Amino acid sequence: MVTLAEVAQHAGVSASTVSYVLSGKRSISAGTRQRVERSIQELGYHPNAGARALASSKSNIIALMVPLRTDMYVPVMMEIAIAVATAARLHGYDVLLLTGEEGPDAVRRVTGSGLADAMILMDVELDDERLPLLRDTDQPSVLIGLPADTSGLTCVDLDFGATGALCVEHLAMLGHREVAVIGEAPAVYERHTGFAERTLDGLRARARELGLRVLHRPCEGGYDAMAATLARIFDERPGTTGFVVQNESAVEPLLALLRQQGRAVPEDVSVIAVCPEQVSVQASVRLTSVAIPAQEMGRRAVEQLVAKLDGRETDEVVLLAPELTVRASTGPLTGG
């Protein structure tokens, strides 16, 4: 490991001069600065992160809170996390990943310890208990998600309300009047997780306007749970011809069960999914879907956060417009 003293000796300056070049705390002549920077590059010197943080009162670290719950589709969460880490590096920040379900305690730990300069929070609930702490701290933060009350907060998310409306509009245009929503696991709704609740609200509101009947059933995902949920749906609403699926683990079991029951997709029933692009194109029937723009969500969150760190004005709420891609799983109602 190259030391600061070795850089100073190589450049023919004092150690304090090298320190001032690195911290920017004092004005250094252009010639001296160039000589020091050349020595840093030639020797491959990397400032000690702890020492640099002490000197500048900055860690150049962003804390990313991603509670990895068993009832959530982890690949989407990790895709967003990777996008955050990639975008953060472009702005000179590293990412500290916090994956526990600690809630407010994790926020307190970050704000009280100086571990990070700022925070990005995921898995946001409508009445998230972390939010009062965020509003009370001076540390910049951004939510990937939308709570019920966004005052004093900066949020980035897909417009899930518009997503739900877009799905039901597409089914209505094809002539479907009875729609079933296969949702996330029950625990997701019990926590009032924002994205799931907002999708359902948007879908139901638009369905009322269009005169469609909607039945919502949460589902754990997996074949057995999907079989029980589907049986219940057709028992309660035998005329169901349109499905909206917001549960990646339920997609393939649903398609398999419909085949077993002799219900052809899309001739007899149409299926729309709210899911990552990869899930929709790799399904046994290529799914009409609204994609989760995970990479853009992560990138935009970092851009908002860096703007706050730089003292620039930011939008309070950034909602990404949903885009519906029509594939092989939806078609006109033919039998009803």
C-alpha atoms as a PDB file:
ATOM      1  CA  MET A   1       0.000   0.000   0.000  1.00  0.00           C
ATOM      2  CA  VAL A   2       1.381   3.386  -1.047  1.00  0.00           C
ATOM      3  CA  THR A   3       1.376   5.939   1.793  1.00  0.00           C
ATOM      4  CA  LEU A   4       0.723   9.658   1.745  1.00  0.00           C
ATOM      5  CA  ALA A   5       4.348  10.237   2.825  1.00  0.00           C
ATOM      6  CA  GLU A   6       5.592   8.308  -0.217  1.00  0.00           C
ATOM      7  CA  VAL A   7       3.435  10.452  -2.481  1.00  0.00           C
ATOM      8  CA  ALA A   8       4.869  13.586  -0.856  1.00  0.00           C
ATOM      9  CA  GLN A   9       8.441  12.346  -1.342  1.00  0.00           C
ATOM     10  CA  HIS A  10       7.782  11.413  -4.976  1.00  0.00           C
ATOM     11  CA  ALA A  11       6.266  14.839  -5.695  1.00  0.00           C
ATOM     12  CA  GLY A  12       8.924  16.725  -3.746  1.00  0.00           C
ATOM     13  CA  VAL A  13       6.418  18.389  -1.402  1.00  0.00           C
ATOM     14  CA  SER A  14       5.399  18.077   2.229  1.00  0.00           C
ATOM     15  CA  ALA A  15       2.837  15.556   3.436  1.00  0.00           C
ATOM     16  CA  SER A  16       0.554  18.421   4.460  1.00  0.00           C
ATOM     17  CA  THR A  17       0.607  19.749   0.881  1.00  0.00           C
ATOM     18  CA  VAL A  18      -0.563  16.362  -0.425  1.00  0.00           C
ATOM     19  CA  SER A  19      -3.298  16.381   2.215  1.00  0.00           C
ATOM     20  CA  TYR A  20      -4.437  19.860   1.135  1.00  0.00           C
ATOM     21  CA  VAL A  21      -4.546  18.782  -2.511  1.00  0.00           C
ATOM     22  CA  LEU A  22      -6.723  15.808  -1.568  1.00  0.00           C
ATOM     23  CA  SER A  23      -9.077  17.713   0.740  1.00  0.00           C
ATOM     24  CA  GLY A  24      -9.219  21.006  -1.152  1.00  0.00           C
ATOM     25  CA  LYS A  25      -9.109  22.839   2.187  1.00  0.00           C
ATOM     26  CA  ARG A  26      -6.350  25.232   1.067  1.00  0.00           C
ATOM     27  CA  SER A  27      -5.453  26.890  -2.186  1.00  0.00           C
ATOM     28  CA  ILE A  28      -2.489  25.156  -3.854  1.00  0.00           C
ATOM     29  CA  SER A  29      -0.725  26.486  -6.939  1.00  0.00           C
ATOM     30  CA  ALA A  30      -1.683  24.818 -10.221  1.00  0.00           C
ATOM     31  CA  GLY A  31       1.872  23.541 -10.779  1.00  0.00           C
ATOM     32  CA  THR A  32       2.133  21.946  -7.337  1.00  0.00           C
ATOM     33  CA  ARG A  33      -1.339  20.434  -7.615  1.00  0.00           C
ATOM     34  CA  GLN A  34      -0.490  18.883 -10.998  1.00  0.00           C
ATOM     35  CA  ARG A  35       2.764  17.472  -9.626  1.00  0.00           C
ATOM     36  CA  VAL A  36       0.976  15.889  -6.656  1.00  0.00           C
ATOM     37  CA  GLU A  37      -1.820  14.506  -8.828  1.00  0.00           C
ATOM     38  CA  ARG A  38       0.737  13.024 -11.230  1.00  0.00           C
ATOM     39  CA  SER A  39       2.531  11.307  -8.327  1.00  0.00           C
ATOM     40  CA  ILE A  40      -0.795   9.963  -7.006  1.00  0.00           C
ATOM     41  CA  GLN A  41      -1.583   8.490 -10.411  1.00  0.00           C
ATOM     42  CA  GLU A  42       1.881   7.044 -11.050  1.00  0.00           C
ATOM     43  CA  LEU A  43       2.137   5.443  -7.607  1.00  0.00           C
ATOM     44  CA  GLY A  44      -1.482   4.254  -7.560  1.00  0.00           C
ATOM     45  CA  TYR A  45      -2.213   5.928  -4.237  1.00  0.00           C
ATOM     46  CA  HIS A  46      -5.712   5.519  -2.737  1.00  0.00           C
ATOM     47  CA  PRO A  47      -6.543   7.726   0.279  1.00  0.00           C
ATOM     48  CA  ASN A  48      -7.596   5.827   3.391  1.00  0.00           C
ATOM     49  CA  ALA A  49     -11.382   6.033   3.523  1.00  0.00           C
ATOM     50  CA  GLY A  50     -11.543   6.446   7.295  1.00  0.00           C
ATOM     51  CA  ALA A  51      -8.933   9.197   7.345  1.00  0.00           C
ATOM     52  CA  ARG A  52     -10.580  10.935   4.420  1.00  0.00           C
ATOM     53  CA  ALA A  53     -13.941  10.840   6.184  1.00  0.00           C
ATOM     54  CA  LEU A  54     -12.429  12.349   9.330  1.00  0.00           C
ATOM     55  CA  ALA A  55     -10.745  15.078   7.342  1.00  0.00           C
ATOM     56  CA  SER A  56     -13.752  16.049   5.247  1.00  0.00           C
ATOM     57  CA  SER A  57     -16.650  15.078   7.544  1.00  0.00           C
ATOM     58  CA  LYS A  58     -17.927  13.078   4.563  1.00  0.00           C
ATOM     59  CA  SER A  59     -17.934   9.322   4.075  1.00  0.00           C
ATOM     60  CA  ASN A  60     -18.836   9.354   0.351  1.00  0.00           C
ATOM     61  CA  ILE A  61     -21.173   6.477   1.189  1.00  0.00           C
ATOM     62  CA  ILE A  62     -24.901   6.142   0.535  1.00  0.00           C
ATOM     63  CA  ALA A  63     -26.849   3.767   2.782  1.00  0.00           C
ATOM     64  CA  LEU A  64     -29.400   1.684   0.853  1.00  0.00           C
ATOM     65  CA  MET A  65     -32.075   0.061   3.014  1.00  0.00           C
ATOM     66  CA  VAL A  66     -33.496  -3.016   1.274  1.00  0.00           C
ATOM     67  CA  PRO A  67     -35.406  -5.294   3.679  1.00  0.00           C
ATOM     68  CA  LEU A  68     -35.163  -8.704   1.997  1.00  0.00           C
ATOM     69  CA  ARG A  69     -38.469 -10.303   2.968  1.00  0.00           C
ATOM     70  CA  THR A  70     -39.547 -13.801   1.944  1.00  0.00           C
ATOM     71  CA  ASP A  71     -42.884 -12.486   0.653  1.00  0.00           C
ATOM     72  CA  MET A  72     -41.235 -10.123  -1.851  1.00  0.00           C
ATOM     73  CA  TYR A  73     -39.710 -10.920  -5.252  1.00  0.00           C
ATOM     74  CA  VAL A  74     -36.042 -10.481  -4.360  1.00  0.00           C
ATOM     75  CA  PRO A  75     -34.649 -10.333  -7.943  1.00  0.00           C
ATOM     76  CA  VAL A  76     -36.480  -7.045  -8.563  1.00  0.00           C
ATOM     77  CA  MET A  77     -35.208  -5.593  -5.297  1.00  0.00           C
ATOM     78  CA  MET A  78     -31.647  -6.599  -6.137  1.00  0.00           C
ATOM     79  CA  GLU A  79     -31.902  -5.217  -9.677  1.00  0.00           C
ATOM     80  CA  ILE A  80     -32.854  -1.846  -8.206  1.00  0.00           C
ATOM     81  CA  ALA A  81     -30.032  -2.158  -5.655  1.00  0.00           C
ATOM     82  CA  ILE A  82     -27.468  -2.873  -8.387  1.00  0.00           C
ATOM     83  CA  ALA A  83     -28.731   0.119 -10.372  1.00  0.00           C
ATOM     84  CA  VAL A  84     -28.328   2.300  -7.280  1.00  0.00           C
ATOM     85  CA  ALA A  85     -24.775   1.044  -6.703  1.00  0.00           C
ATOM     86  CA  THR A  86     -23.799   1.563 -10.345  1.00  0.00           C
ATOM     87  CA  ALA A  87     -25.223   5.083 -10.506  1.00  0.00           C
ATOM     88  CA  ALA A  88     -23.690   5.987  -7.147  1.00  0.00           C
ATOM     89  CA  ARG A  89     -20.192   5.040  -8.348  1.00  0.00           C
ATOM     90  CA  LEU A  90     -20.596   7.350 -11.340  1.00  0.00           C
ATOM     91  CA  HIS A  91     -21.079  10.177  -8.834  1.00  0.00           C
ATOM     92  CA  GLY A  92     -18.181   9.101  -6.620  1.00  0.00           C
ATOM     93  CA  TYR A  93     -20.194   7.313  -3.922  1.00  0.00           C
ATOM     94  CA  ASP A  94     -20.071   3.770  -2.598  1.00  0.00           C
ATOM     95  CA  VAL A  95     -23.185   1.993  -1.293  1.00  0.00           C
ATOM     96  CA  LEU A  96     -23.707   0.429   2.123  1.00  0.00           C
ATOM     97  CA  LEU A  97     -26.406  -2.234   1.791  1.00  0.00           C
ATOM     98  CA  LEU A  98     -28.687  -2.772   4.813  1.00  0.00           C
ATOM     99  CA  THR A  99     -30.917  -5.804   4.272  1.00  0.00           C
ATOM    100  CA  GLY A 100     -32.430  -6.385   7.721  1.00  0.00           C
ATOM    101  CA  GLU A 101     -36.026  -5.662   8.726  1.00  0.00           C
ATOM    102  CA  GLU A 102     -34.981  -3.166  11.407  1.00  0.00           C
ATOM    103  CA  GLY A 103     -37.224  -0.278  10.403  1.00  0.00           C
ATOM    104  CA  PRO A 104     -36.600   2.891  12.439  1.00  0.00           C
ATOM    105  CA  ASP A 105     -33.603   1.348  14.236  1.00  0.00           C
ATOM    106  CA  ALA A 106     -31.663   1.175  10.969  1.00  0.00           C
ATOM    107  CA  VAL A 107     -32.422   4.838  10.255  1.00  0.00           C
ATOM    108  CA  ARG A 108     -31.261   5.805  13.736  1.00  0.00           C
ATOM    109  CA  ARG A 109     -28.059   3.801  13.312  1.00  0.00           C
ATOM    110  CA  VAL A 110     -27.165   5.515  10.056  1.00  0.00           C
ATOM    111  CA  THR A 111     -28.042   9.048  11.135  1.00  0.00           C
ATOM    112  CA  GLY A 112     -26.392   8.684  14.532  1.00  0.00           C
ATOM    113  CA  SER A 113     -23.159   7.033  13.490  1.00  0.00           C
ATOM    114  CA  GLY A 114     -22.012   9.007  10.472  1.00  0.00           C
ATOM    115  CA  LEU A 115     -21.821   5.739   8.524  1.00  0.00           C
ATOM    116  CA  ALA A 116     -23.225   7.400   5.430  1.00  0.00           C
ATOM    117  CA  ASP A 117     -23.818  10.838   3.959  1.00  0.00           C
ATOM    118  CA  ALA A 118     -27.331  10.028   2.790  1.00  0.00           C
ATOM    119  CA  MET A 119     -29.960   7.284   2.582  1.00  0.00           C
ATOM    120  CA  ILE A 120     -32.151   5.576   0.009  1.00  0.00           C
ATOM    121  CA  LEU A 121     -35.063   3.551   1.406  1.00  0.00           C
ATOM    122  CA  MET A 122     -36.955   0.776  -0.390  1.00  0.00           C
ATOM    123  CA  ASP A 123     -40.006  -1.383   0.430  1.00  0.00           C
ATOM    124  CA  VAL A 124     -41.964   1.705   1.441  1.00  0.00           C
ATOM    125  CA  GLU A 125     -45.272   1.256   3.245  1.00  0.00           C
ATOM    126  CA  LEU A 126     -48.168   3.722   2.995  1.00  0.00           C
ATOM    127  CA  ASP A 127     -47.739   4.653   6.668  1.00  0.00           C
ATOM    128  CA  ASP A 128     -44.070   3.739   7.009  1.00  0.00           C
ATOM    129  CA  GLU A 129     -42.767   4.034  10.578  1.00  0.00           C
ATOM    130  CA  ARG A 130     -39.345   5.160   9.289  1.00  0.00           C
ATOM    131  CA  LEU A 131     -40.737   8.388   7.857  1.00  0.00           C
ATOM    132  CA  PRO A 132     -41.022  10.523  11.041  1.00  0.00           C
ATOM    133  CA  LEU A 133     -37.294   9.956  11.630  1.00  0.00           C
ATOM    134  CA  LEU A 134     -36.458  10.981   8.068  1.00  0.00           C
ATOM    135  CA  ARG A 135     -38.459  14.178   8.424  1.00  0.00           C
ATOM    136  CA  ASP A 136     -36.671  15.013  11.691  1.00  0.00           C
ATOM    137  CA  THR A 137     -33.112  14.541  10.423  1.00  0.00           C
ATOM    138  CA  ASP A 138     -30.984  16.856   8.295  1.00  0.00           C
ATOM    139  CA  GLN A 139     -29.451  13.907   6.473  1.00  0.00           C
ATOM    140  CA  PRO A 140     -30.600  13.787   2.821  1.00  0.00           C
ATOM    141  CA  SER A 141     -32.777  10.831   1.852  1.00  0.00           C
ATOM    142  CA  VAL A 142     -34.813   9.515  -1.056  1.00  0.00           C
ATOM    143  CA  LEU A 143     -37.544   6.870  -1.050  1.00  0.00           C
ATOM    144  CA  ILE A 144     -37.944   4.353  -3.856  1.00  0.00           C
ATOM    145  CA  GLY A 145     -41.637   4.029  -3.237  1.00  0.00           C
ATOM    146  CA  LEU A 146     -44.535   6.290  -2.349  1.00  0.00           C
ATOM    147  CA  PRO A 147     -46.117   6.612   1.110  1.00  0.00           C
ATOM    148  CA  ALA A 148     -49.586   8.005   1.695  1.00  0.00           C
ATOM    149  CA  ASP A 149     -48.172  11.360   2.826  1.00  0.00           C
ATOM    150  CA  THR A 150     -45.178  12.582   0.796  1.00  0.00           C
ATOM    151  CA  SER A 151     -44.809  15.988   2.496  1.00  0.00           C
ATOM    152  CA  GLY A 152     -41.190  16.748   3.358  1.00  0.00           C
ATOM    153  CA  LEU A 153     -39.961  13.683   1.452  1.00  0.00           C
ATOM    154  CA  THR A 154     -38.340  12.988  -1.905  1.00  0.00           C
ATOM    155  CA  CYS A 155     -39.733   9.926  -3.691  1.00  0.00           C
ATOM    156  CA  VAL A 156     -39.087   8.046  -6.931  1.00  0.00           C
ATOM    157  CA  ASP A 157     -41.324   5.243  -8.149  1.00  0.00           C
ATOM    158  CA  LEU A 158     -43.269   3.753 -11.011  1.00  0.00           C
ATOM    159  CA  ASP A 159     -46.749   5.253 -11.108  1.00  0.00           C
ATOM    160  CA  PHE A 160     -48.431   2.094  -9.855  1.00  0.00           C
ATOM    161  CA  GLY A 161     -51.876   3.727  -9.720  1.00  0.00           C
ATOM    162  CA  ALA A 162     -51.630   4.483 -13.440  1.00  0.00           C
ATOM    163  CA  THR A 163     -50.240   0.973 -13.960  1.00  0.00           C
ATOM    164  CA  GLY A 164     -53.367  -0.625 -12.511  1.00  0.00           C
ATOM    165  CA  ALA A 165     -55.582   1.646 -14.592  1.00  0.00           C
ATOM    166  CA  LEU A 166     -53.630   0.835 -17.766  1.00  0.00           C
ATOM    167  CA  CYS A 167     -54.074  -2.913 -17.231  1.00  0.00           C
ATOM    168  CA  VAL A 168     -57.829  -2.724 -16.784  1.00  0.00           C
ATOM    169  CA  GLU A 169     -58.195  -0.321 -19.741  1.00  0.00           C
ATOM    170  CA  HIS A 170     -56.476  -2.851 -21.999  1.00  0.00           C
ATOM    171  CA  LEU A 171     -58.777  -5.672 -20.877  1.00  0.00           C
ATOM    172  CA  ALA A 172     -61.848  -3.457 -21.262  1.00  0.00           C
ATOM    173  CA  MET A 173     -60.793  -2.530 -24.805  1.00  0.00           C
ATOM    174  CA  LEU A 174     -60.690  -6.243 -25.637  1.00  0.00           C
ATOM    175  CA  GLY A 175     -64.243  -6.732 -24.335  1.00  0.00           C
ATOM    176  CA  HIS A 176     -63.532  -8.337 -20.934  1.00  0.00           C
ATOM    177  CA  ARG A 177     -66.008  -7.409 -18.193  1.00  0.00           C
ATOM    178  CA  GLU A 178     -65.038  -9.772 -15.347  1.00  0.00           C
ATOM    179  CA  VAL A 179     -61.467  -9.291 -14.092  1.00  0.00           C
ATOM    180  CA  ALA A 180     -59.565 -11.087 -11.345  1.00  0.00           C
ATOM    181  CA  VAL A 181     -56.448  -9.581  -9.774  1.00  0.00           C
ATOM    182  CA  ILE A 182     -53.961 -12.137  -8.475  1.00  0.00           C
ATOM    183  CA  GLY A 183     -51.952 -10.125  -6.026  1.00  0.00           C
ATOM    184  CA  GLU A 184     -48.900 -10.396  -3.841  1.00  0.00           C
ATOM    185  CA  ALA A 185     -48.784 -12.535  -0.701  1.00  0.00           C
ATOM    186  CA  PRO A 186     -51.294 -11.523   2.007  1.00  0.00           C
ATOM    187  CA  ALA A 187     -48.529 -10.145   4.250  1.00  0.00           C
ATOM    188  CA  VAL A 188     -47.674  -7.524   1.617  1.00  0.00           C
ATOM    189  CA  TYR A 189     -51.191  -6.066   1.899  1.00  0.00           C
ATOM    190  CA  GLU A 190     -51.239  -6.473   5.678  1.00  0.00           C
ATOM    191  CA  ARG A 191     -48.168  -4.189   5.824  1.00  0.00           C
ATOM    192  CA  HIS A 192     -49.912  -1.779   3.435  1.00  0.00           C
ATOM    193  CA  THR A 193     -46.943  -1.871   1.100  1.00  0.00           C
ATOM    194  CA  GLY A 194     -47.264   1.130  -1.185  1.00  0.00           C
ATOM    195  CA  PHE A 195     -46.792  -0.345  -4.657  1.00  0.00           C
ATOM    196  CA  ALA A 196     -49.311  -3.156  -4.140  1.00  0.00           C
ATOM    197  CA  GLU A 197     -51.993  -0.951  -2.587  1.00  0.00           C
ATOM    198  CA  ARG A 198     -51.601   1.776  -5.226  1.00  0.00           C
ATOM    199  CA  THR A 199     -51.837  -0.688  -8.124  1.00  0.00           C
ATOM    200  CA  LEU A 200     -55.065  -2.069  -6.698  1.00  0.00           C
ATOM    201  CA  ASP A 201     -56.518   1.390  -6.039  1.00  0.00           C
ATOM    202  CA  GLY A 202     -55.771   2.569  -9.575  1.00  0.00           C
ATOM    203  CA  LEU A 203     -57.164  -0.594 -11.113  1.00  0.00           C
ATOM    204  CA  ARG A 204     -60.371  -0.551  -9.079  1.00  0.00           C
ATOM    205  CA  ALA A 205     -61.041   3.143  -9.716  1.00  0.00           C
ATOM    206  CA  ARG A 206     -60.651   2.764 -13.493  1.00  0.00           C
ATOM    207  CA  ALA A 207     -62.704  -0.449 -13.512  1.00  0.00           C
ATOM    208  CA  ARG A 208     -65.599   1.390 -11.838  1.00  0.00           C
ATOM    209  CA  GLU A 209     -65.432   4.090 -14.500  1.00  0.00           C
ATOM    210  CA  LEU A 210     -65.437   1.485 -17.280  1.00  0.00           C
ATOM    211  CA  GLY A 211     -68.131  -0.725 -15.722  1.00  0.00           C
ATOM    212  CA  LEU A 212     -65.915  -3.783 -15.086  1.00  0.00           C
ATOM    213  CA  ARG A 213     -66.262  -6.063 -12.074  1.00  0.00           C
ATOM    214  CA  VAL A 214     -63.031  -6.765 -10.201  1.00  0.00           C
ATOM    215  CA  LEU A 215     -62.185  -9.523  -7.741  1.00  0.00           C
ATOM    216  CA  HIS A 216     -58.857  -9.255  -5.890  1.00  0.00           C
ATOM    217  CA  ARG A 217     -57.218 -12.280  -4.319  1.00  0.00           C
ATOM    218  CA  PRO A 218     -53.765 -12.228  -2.680  1.00  0.00           C
ATOM    219  CA  CYS A 219     -51.662 -15.317  -3.328  1.00  0.00           C
ATOM    220  CA  GLU A 220     -48.542 -16.753  -1.757  1.00  0.00           C
ATOM    221  CA  GLY A 221     -47.284 -17.871  -5.164  1.00  0.00           C
ATOM    222  CA  GLY A 222     -46.246 -21.395  -6.068  1.00  0.00           C
ATOM    223  CA  TYR A 223     -48.391 -24.103  -7.620  1.00  0.00           C
ATOM    224  CA  ASP A 224     -50.485 -25.228  -4.633  1.00  0.00           C
ATOM    225  CA  ALA A 225     -51.331 -21.703  -3.475  1.00  0.00           C
ATOM    226  CA  MET A 226     -52.189 -20.661  -7.027  1.00  0.00           C
ATOM    227  CA  ALA A 227     -54.396 -23.723  -7.527  1.00  0.00           C
ATOM    228  CA  ALA A 228     -56.418 -22.873  -4.414  1.00  0.00           C
ATOM    229  CA  THR A 229     -56.654 -19.197  -5.375  1.00  0.00           C
ATOM    230  CA  LEU A 230     -57.756 -19.962  -8.939  1.00  0.00           C
ATOM    231  CA  ALA A 231     -60.392 -22.428  -7.769  1.00  0.00           C
ATOM    232  CA  ARG A 232     -61.753 -19.791  -5.407  1.00  0.00           C
ATOM    233  CA  ILE A 233     -61.835 -17.170  -8.170  1.00  0.00           C
ATOM    234  CA  PHE A 234     -63.815 -19.357 -10.582  1.00  0.00           C
ATOM    235  CA  ASP A 235     -66.104 -20.494  -7.768  1.00  0.00           C
ATOM    236  CA  GLU A 236     -66.944 -16.879  -6.872  1.00  0.00           C
ATOM    237  CA  ARG A 237     -66.837 -15.427 -10.396  1.00  0.00           C
ATOM    238  CA  PRO A 238     -67.224 -18.222 -12.973  1.00  0.00           C
ATOM    239  CA  GLY A 239     -67.470 -15.650 -15.770  1.00  0.00           C
ATOM    240  CA  THR A 240     -63.927 -14.322 -15.183  1.00  0.00           C
ATOM    241  CA  THR A 241     -62.067 -13.898 -18.480  1.00  0.00           C
ATOM    242  CA  GLY A 242     -59.380 -11.350 -17.615  1.00  0.00           C
ATOM    243  CA  PHE A 243     -56.495 -11.725 -15.161  1.00  0.00           C
ATOM    244  CA  VAL A 244     -54.076  -9.108 -13.857  1.00  0.00           C
ATOM    245  CA  VAL A 245     -51.128 -10.707 -12.041  1.00  0.00           C
ATOM    246  CA  GLN A 246     -48.922  -8.717  -9.698  1.00  0.00           C
ATOM    247  CA  ASN A 247     -46.981 -11.621  -8.270  1.00  0.00           C
ATOM    248  CA  GLU A 248     -44.017 -13.024 -10.201  1.00  0.00           C
ATOM    249  CA  SER A 249     -44.108 -16.355  -8.348  1.00  0.00           C
ATOM    250  CA  ALA A 250     -47.706 -16.941  -9.429  1.00  0.00           C
ATOM    251  CA  VAL A 251     -47.227 -16.332 -13.173  1.00  0.00           C
ATOM    252  CA  GLU A 252     -46.109 -19.763 -14.361  1.00  0.00           C
ATOM    253  CA  PRO A 253     -48.375 -21.747 -11.994  1.00  0.00           C
ATOM    254  CA  LEU A 254     -51.352 -19.723 -13.261  1.00  0.00           C
ATOM    255  CA  LEU A 255     -50.537 -20.437 -16.916  1.00  0.00           C
ATOM    256  CA  ALA A 256     -50.042 -24.160 -16.182  1.00  0.00           C
ATOM    257  CA  LEU A 257     -53.334 -24.419 -14.276  1.00  0.00           C
ATOM    258  CA  LEU A 258     -55.282 -22.641 -17.014  1.00  0.00           C
ATOM    259  CA  ARG A 259     -53.869 -25.122 -19.550  1.00  0.00           C
ATOM    260  CA  GLN A 260     -54.853 -28.075 -17.350  1.00  0.00           C
ATOM    261  CA  GLN A 261     -58.401 -26.721 -17.093  1.00  0.00           C
ATOM    262  CA  GLY A 262     -58.652 -26.403 -20.873  1.00  0.00           C
ATOM    263  CA  ARG A 263     -58.790 -22.603 -20.772  1.00  0.00           C
ATOM    264  CA  ALA A 264     -56.687 -21.332 -23.674  1.00  0.00           C
ATOM    265  CA  VAL A 265     -54.660 -18.123 -23.385  1.00  0.00           C
ATOM    266  CA  PRO A 266     -55.644 -15.761 -24.958  1.00  0.00           C
ATOM    267  CA  GLU A 267     -58.625 -17.390 -26.748  1.00  0.00           C
ATOM    268  CA  ASP A 268     -60.593 -18.096 -23.536  1.00  0.00           C
ATOM    269  CA  VAL A 269     -58.879 -15.910 -20.943  1.00  0.00           C
ATOM    270  CA  SER A 270     -56.451 -12.995 -21.158  1.00  0.00           C
ATOM    271  CA  VAL A 271     -53.563 -12.467 -18.741  1.00  0.00           C
ATOM    272  CA  ILE A 272     -51.640  -9.245 -18.030  1.00  0.00           C
ATOM    273  CA  ALA A 273     -48.683  -9.156 -15.650  1.00  0.00           C
ATOM    274  CA  VAL A 274     -47.024  -6.332 -13.733  1.00  0.00           C
ATOM    275  CA  CYS A 275     -43.511  -7.740 -13.589  1.00  0.00           C
ATOM    276  CA  PRO A 276     -39.923  -7.442 -14.834  1.00  0.00           C
ATOM    277  CA  GLU A 277     -39.468  -7.715 -18.593  1.00  0.00           C
ATOM    278  CA  GLN A 278     -37.492 -10.931 -18.163  1.00  0.00           C
ATOM    279  CA  VAL A 279     -40.404 -12.680 -16.437  1.00  0.00           C
ATOM    280  CA  SER A 280     -42.888 -11.683 -19.127  1.00  0.00           C
ATOM    281  CA  VAL A 281     -40.791 -12.758 -22.122  1.00  0.00           C
ATOM    282  CA  GLN A 282     -39.601 -16.038 -20.590  1.00  0.00           C
ATOM    283  CA  ALA A 283     -43.039 -17.263 -19.490  1.00  0.00           C
ATOM    284  CA  SER A 284     -44.563 -20.256 -21.291  1.00  0.00           C
ATOM    285  CA  VAL A 285     -46.907 -17.763 -22.961  1.00  0.00           C
ATOM    286  CA  ARG A 286     -45.235 -14.437 -23.724  1.00  0.00           C
ATOM    287  CA  LEU A 287     -47.090 -12.083 -21.429  1.00  0.00           C
ATOM    288  CA  THR A 288     -48.661  -8.740 -22.119  1.00  0.00           C
ATOM    289  CA  SER A 289     -47.155  -6.722 -19.309  1.00  0.00           C
ATOM    290  CA  VAL A 290     -46.254  -3.467 -17.640  1.00  0.00           C
ATOM    291  CA  ALA A 291     -42.543  -3.739 -16.907  1.00  0.00           C
ATOM    292  CA  ILE A 292     -40.974  -2.692 -13.606  1.00  0.00           C
ATOM    293  CA  PRO A 293     -38.334  -0.096 -14.647  1.00  0.00           C
ATOM    294  CA  ALA A 294     -35.918  -1.200 -11.931  1.00  0.00           C
ATOM    295  CA  GLN A 295     -32.779   0.317 -13.447  1.00  0.00           C
ATOM    296  CA  GLU A 296     -34.375   3.687 -14.105  1.00  0.00           C
ATOM    297  CA  MET A 297     -35.859   3.777 -10.607  1.00  0.00           C
ATOM    298  CA  GLY A 298     -32.442   3.157  -9.060  1.00  0.00           C
ATOM    299  CA  ARG A 299     -30.702   5.677 -11.299  1.00  0.00           C
ATOM    300  CA  ARG A 300     -33.265   8.423 -10.757  1.00  0.00           C
ATOM    301  CA  ALA A 301     -33.174   7.910  -6.985  1.00  0.00           C
ATOM    302  CA  VAL A 302     -29.403   8.408  -6.956  1.00  0.00           C
ATOM    303  CA  GLU A 303     -29.684  11.509  -9.160  1.00  0.00           C
ATOM    304  CA  GLN A 304     -32.244  13.011  -6.787  1.00  0.00           C
ATOM    305  CA  LEU A 305     -30.064  12.206  -3.789  1.00  0.00           C
ATOM    306  CA  VAL A 306     -26.871  13.622  -5.302  1.00  0.00           C
ATOM    307  CA  ALA A 307     -28.754  16.814  -6.160  1.00  0.00           C
ATOM    308  CA  LYS A 308     -29.787  17.118  -2.517  1.00  0.00           C
ATOM    309  CA  LEU A 309     -26.221  16.478  -1.351  1.00  0.00           C
ATOM    310  CA  ASP A 310     -25.030  19.231  -3.688  1.00  0.00           C
ATOM    311  CA  GLY A 311     -27.626  21.641  -2.344  1.00  0.00           C
ATOM    312  CA  ARG A 312     -29.652  21.734  -5.560  1.00  0.00           C
ATOM    313  CA  GLU A 313     -33.442  21.831  -5.754  1.00  0.00           C
ATOM    314  CA  THR A 314     -35.129  18.490  -6.415  1.00  0.00           C
ATOM    315  CA  ASP A 315     -38.633  17.407  -7.324  1.00  0.00           C
ATOM    316  CA  GLU A 316     -40.527  16.131  -4.311  1.00  0.00           C
ATOM    317  CA  VAL A 317     -42.087  13.204  -6.185  1.00  0.00           C
ATOM    318  CA  VAL A 318     -40.891  11.612  -9.433  1.00  0.00           C
ATOM    319  CA  LEU A 319     -43.391   9.121 -10.866  1.00  0.00           C
ATOM    320  CA  LEU A 320     -42.324   7.114 -13.915  1.00  0.00           C
ATOM    321  CA  ALA A 321     -45.102   6.619 -16.459  1.00  0.00           C
ATOM    322  CA  PRO A 322     -46.055   2.957 -17.030  1.00  0.00           C
ATOM    323  CA  GLU A 323     -45.726   1.394 -20.475  1.00  0.00           C
ATOM    324  CA  LEU A 324     -47.849  -1.594 -21.473  1.00  0.00           C
ATOM    325  CA  THR A 325     -46.351  -4.007 -24.009  1.00  0.00           C
ATOM    326  CA  VAL A 326     -48.873  -6.239 -25.802  1.00  0.00           C
ATOM    327  CA  ARG A 327     -47.719  -9.815 -26.392  1.00  0.00           C
ATOM    328  CA  ALA A 328     -49.394 -13.198 -26.820  1.00  0.00           C
ATOM    329  CA  SER A 329     -51.372 -13.480 -23.583  1.00  0.00           C
ATOM    330  CA  THR A 330     -54.201 -11.026 -24.268  1.00  0.00           C
ATOM    331  CA  GLY A 331     -56.849 -11.064 -26.987  1.00  0.00           C
ATOM    332  CA  PRO A 332     -60.461 -10.151 -27.717  1.00  0.00           C
ATOM    333  CA  LEU A 333     -63.190 -11.822 -25.675  1.00  0.00           C
ATOM    334  CA  THR A 334     -64.653 -14.487 -27.964  1.00  0.00           C
ATOM    335  CA  GLY A 335     -66.948 -16.627 -25.869  1.00  0.00           C
ATOM    336  CA  GLY A 336     -68.731 -14.189 -23.618  1.00  0.00           C
END
